[in-house]
Amino acid sequence: MSLIKLTIKGISYSQTQSGAYALVLSEMEGKRTLPIIIGAFEAQSIAIALEKEIRPPRPLTHDLFKTFSERFKITVKQVIIHKLVDGIFFSSLICVKDGVEEIIDTRTSDAIAIAIRFLAPIYTYENILDKAGIYLKVEEEIAIKEILEPEAIQVTLEQADSKNISNFSKYSLQELHDQLKEAVENENYEKAAKIRDEISKRS
């Protein structure tokens, strides 16, 4: 079976599972998307890896994995989402060391968080897209428009209760930058992402 290359479209709060997030992948040459439910930690790790402005003061688990791998000259060549059983996706890391290729089973959320850090491509098979792929309508494309260019992706981690979302519009740019720095230092990355979004609106 031929592999189909995927790109990350965005991350949003899951409306179906409390405390979870929906990671949306899209085929590079087509309109199908692959929504995958992931945990808050993995969503945070993926969002931070995609960010340019937010850098955690201490390495996250997936950052540590990359540092460890590079120290021992192991490269992640690609990620393959190879199986779907009862709504659960199974993935593999294709790793290379000294020219020898190894396949390591992993959770899909971890595989993608690692792939981003290694700039490794993400693939799946046609039968998986047939089973779980969704064709987006135009209005849905607009709703998750933080996509298109992987380098320019902007990820917003939305809270379930919109009443609890802070309104940052009343702060000056300097105050926002100060709050962004404080949020990153305190490892409050959801707050940092929201402040970053407000700063981006004013740019």
Protein backbone atom coordinates (compact mmCIF):
# COMPACT_ATOMS: atom_id res chain seq x y z
CA MET A 1 0.00 0.00 0.00
CA SER A 2 1.26 3.45 -0.89
CA LEU A 3 1.84 6.03 1.83
CA ILE A 4 -0.06 9.32 1.94
CA LYS A 5 1.76 12.32 3.39
CA LEU A 6 -0.04 14.34 6.06
CA THR A 7 0.40 17.82 7.48
CA ILE A 8 -0.86 19.33 10.74
CA LYS A 9 -3.94 21.49 10.25
CA GLY A 10 -4.58 22.58 13.81
CA ILE A 11 -5.48 21.72 17.39
CA SER A 12 -8.73 22.57 19.12
CA TYR A 13 -10.51 21.63 22.31
CA SER A 14 -12.47 18.41 21.89
CA GLN A 15 -16.22 18.96 22.05
CA THR A 16 -16.81 15.24 22.63
CA GLN A 17 -14.30 14.34 25.36
CA SER A 18 -13.73 16.53 28.40
CA GLY A 19 -10.08 17.42 28.98
CA ALA A 20 -9.02 16.17 25.55
CA TYR A 21 -8.02 17.90 22.33
CA ALA A 22 -8.58 17.17 18.66
CA LEU A 23 -5.44 17.12 16.52
CA VAL A 24 -6.43 17.54 12.88
CA LEU A 25 -4.13 16.15 10.19
CA SER A 26 -4.70 16.75 6.50
CA GLU A 27 -3.47 14.93 3.41
CA MET A 28 -0.98 17.05 1.46
CA GLU A 29 -2.60 16.40 -1.91
CA GLY A 30 -6.29 16.19 -1.19
CA LYS A 31 -9.12 17.47 0.99
CA ARG A 32 -9.45 14.70 3.54
CA THR A 33 -8.57 15.30 7.16
CA LEU A 34 -7.79 12.88 9.96
CA PRO A 35 -9.02 14.01 13.40
CA ILE A 36 -7.22 12.35 16.32
CA ILE A 37 -8.23 12.79 19.96
CA ILE A 38 -5.17 13.42 22.16
CA GLY A 39 -4.51 14.35 25.78
CA ALA A 40 -3.81 17.83 27.11
CA PHE A 41 -0.09 17.17 27.71
CA GLU A 42 0.47 15.92 24.17
CA ALA A 43 -1.56 18.81 22.73
CA GLN A 44 0.58 21.23 24.71
CA SER A 45 3.80 19.56 23.56
CA ILE A 46 2.74 19.63 19.90
CA ALA A 47 1.62 23.26 20.11
CA ILE A 48 4.89 24.35 21.71
CA ALA A 49 6.95 22.50 19.07
CA LEU A 50 5.03 24.37 16.35
CA GLU A 51 5.46 27.72 18.05
CA LYS A 52 8.23 30.19 17.24
CA GLU A 53 7.78 32.54 20.17
CA ILE A 54 7.15 30.22 23.12
CA ARG A 55 10.16 28.35 24.51
CA PRO A 56 9.80 26.42 27.78
CA PRO A 57 12.47 27.14 30.41
CA ARG A 58 12.91 23.40 30.94
CA PRO A 59 12.74 20.70 28.24
CA LEU A 60 9.49 18.80 27.90
CA THR A 61 9.56 15.00 27.62
CA HIS A 62 9.58 15.08 23.80
CA ASP A 63 12.38 17.68 23.82
CA LEU A 64 14.36 15.35 26.08
CA PHE A 65 13.73 12.48 23.66
CA LYS A 66 15.17 14.55 20.81
CA THR A 67 18.24 15.59 22.82
CA PHE A 68 18.81 11.99 23.91
CA SER A 69 18.45 10.70 20.36
CA GLU A 70 20.78 13.28 18.89
CA ARG A 71 23.39 12.62 21.57
CA PHE A 72 23.46 8.97 20.52
CA LYS A 73 23.22 9.81 16.81
CA ILE A 74 19.71 8.42 16.32
CA THR A 75 17.52 10.14 13.73
CA VAL A 76 13.76 9.89 13.33
CA LYS A 77 13.28 9.42 9.60
CA GLN A 78 9.47 9.40 9.46
CA VAL A 79 6.26 8.56 11.31
CA ILE A 80 3.66 6.17 9.92
CA ILE A 81 0.10 5.93 11.27
CA HIS A 82 -0.35 2.32 10.25
CA LYS A 83 -3.44 0.96 12.00
CA LEU A 84 -6.86 1.99 13.28
CA VAL A 85 -8.69 -0.30 15.71
CA ASP A 86 -11.87 0.66 17.59
CA GLY A 87 -11.16 4.35 17.05
CA ILE A 88 -7.55 4.11 18.30
CA PHE A 89 -4.69 4.97 15.95
CA PHE A 90 -1.43 2.99 16.07
CA SER A 91 1.81 4.53 14.85
CA SER A 92 5.47 3.73 14.30
CA LEU A 93 8.63 5.79 14.49
CA ILE A 94 11.07 4.89 11.72
CA CYS A 95 14.49 5.55 13.26
CA VAL A 96 17.98 5.32 11.79
CA LYS A 97 21.33 4.84 13.55
CA ASP A 98 24.57 4.15 11.68
CA GLY A 99 22.59 3.35 8.54
CA VAL A 100 20.47 0.74 10.31
CA GLU A 101 16.70 1.30 10.29
CA GLU A 102 14.57 0.38 13.29
CA ILE A 103 10.78 0.53 13.71
CA ILE A 104 9.44 1.53 17.13
CA ASP A 105 5.76 1.31 18.12
CA THR A 106 4.41 4.46 19.73
CA ARG A 107 1.23 6.33 20.54
CA THR A 108 0.23 8.57 17.65
CA SER A 109 0.24 11.74 19.76
CA ASP A 110 3.80 11.04 20.94
CA ALA A 111 4.90 10.14 17.42
CA ILE A 112 3.66 13.44 16.03
CA ALA A 113 5.17 15.50 18.86
CA ILE A 114 8.51 13.83 18.11
CA ALA A 115 8.15 14.11 14.32
CA ILE A 116 7.71 17.89 14.55
CA ARG A 117 10.93 18.21 16.54
CA PHE A 118 12.88 16.15 14.00
CA LEU A 119 11.16 17.81 11.01
CA ALA A 120 10.20 14.26 10.02
CA PRO A 121 7.30 13.64 7.60
CA ILE A 122 4.06 12.02 8.82
CA TYR A 123 2.35 9.37 6.67
CA THR A 124 -0.67 7.10 6.75
CA TYR A 125 -2.28 4.54 4.45
CA GLU A 126 -5.22 4.95 2.07
CA ASN A 127 -7.38 2.46 3.98
CA ILE A 128 -7.01 4.47 7.20
CA LEU A 129 -8.04 7.68 5.44
CA ASP A 130 -10.97 5.79 3.93
CA LYS A 131 -12.07 4.69 7.42
CA ALA A 132 -11.48 7.83 9.43
CA GLY A 133 -10.91 10.63 6.92
CA ILE A 134 -13.33 13.55 6.75
CA TYR A 135 -13.92 15.88 3.82
CA LEU A 136 -14.04 19.41 5.19
CA LYS A 137 -16.73 21.82 4.09
CA VAL A 138 -15.73 25.36 3.19
CA GLU A 139 -17.00 26.80 6.49
CA GLU A 140 -15.03 24.17 8.42
CA GLU A 141 -11.91 25.11 6.46
CA ILE A 142 -12.41 28.71 7.58
CA ALA A 143 -13.02 27.65 11.19
CA ILE A 144 -9.59 25.99 11.44
CA LYS A 145 -7.70 28.24 9.07
CA GLU A 146 -4.55 28.18 11.27
CA ILE A 147 -3.10 25.75 8.76
CA LEU A 148 -1.82 25.67 5.20
CA GLU A 149 1.87 26.39 5.86
CA PRO A 150 3.38 24.16 8.58
CA GLU A 151 5.94 26.91 9.28
CA ALA A 152 3.21 29.51 9.77
CA ILE A 153 0.72 27.42 11.71
CA GLN A 154 -0.87 29.12 14.69
CA VAL A 155 -2.29 26.77 17.27
CA THR A 156 -4.93 27.88 19.75
CA LEU A 157 -5.64 25.62 22.70
CA GLU A 158 -9.23 26.55 23.57
CA GLN A 159 -10.65 25.91 27.02
CA ALA A 160 -13.91 24.03 27.33
CA ASP A 161 -15.64 26.79 29.25
CA SER A 162 -15.32 30.01 27.27
CA LYS A 163 -16.32 32.01 30.35
CA ASN A 164 -12.97 31.19 31.90
CA ILE A 165 -10.94 32.58 28.99
CA SER A 166 -9.18 35.78 30.03
CA ASN A 167 -9.69 38.92 27.99
CA PHE A 168 -6.24 40.21 27.09
CA SER A 169 -7.48 42.99 24.78
CA LYS A 170 -7.41 45.53 27.63
CA TYR A 171 -3.64 45.23 28.12
CA SER A 172 -0.95 47.22 26.33
CA LEU A 173 1.57 45.44 24.10
CA GLN A 174 4.31 45.86 26.72
CA GLU A 175 2.05 44.38 29.40
CA LEU A 176 1.21 41.47 27.09
CA HIS A 177 4.90 40.77 26.43
CA ASP A 178 5.57 40.89 30.20
CA GLN A 179 2.68 38.48 30.83
CA LEU A 180 3.86 36.18 28.02
CA LYS A 181 7.32 35.98 29.58
CA GLU A 182 5.82 35.28 33.02
CA ALA A 183 3.46 32.59 31.64
CA VAL A 184 6.34 30.77 29.90
CA GLU A 185 8.52 30.96 33.02
CA ASN A 186 5.64 29.47 35.03
CA GLU A 187 5.13 26.82 32.30
CA ASN A 188 1.52 27.94 31.80
CA TYR A 189 1.56 27.32 28.06
CA GLU A 190 -2.18 27.56 27.46
CA LYS A 191 -2.17 31.09 28.85
CA ALA A 192 0.99 31.87 26.88
CA ALA A 193 -0.67 30.71 23.64
CA LYS A 194 -3.66 33.00 24.25
CA ILE A 195 -1.43 35.98 25.01
CA ARG A 196 0.61 35.22 21.89
CA ASP A 197 -2.61 35.20 19.83
CA GLU A 198 -3.57 38.62 21.18
CA ILE A 199 -0.10 39.99 20.34
CA SER A 200 -0.34 38.51 16.84
CA LYS A 201 -3.71 40.24 16.25
CA ARG A 202 -2.06 43.61 16.84
CA SER A 203 0.95 43.00 14.59
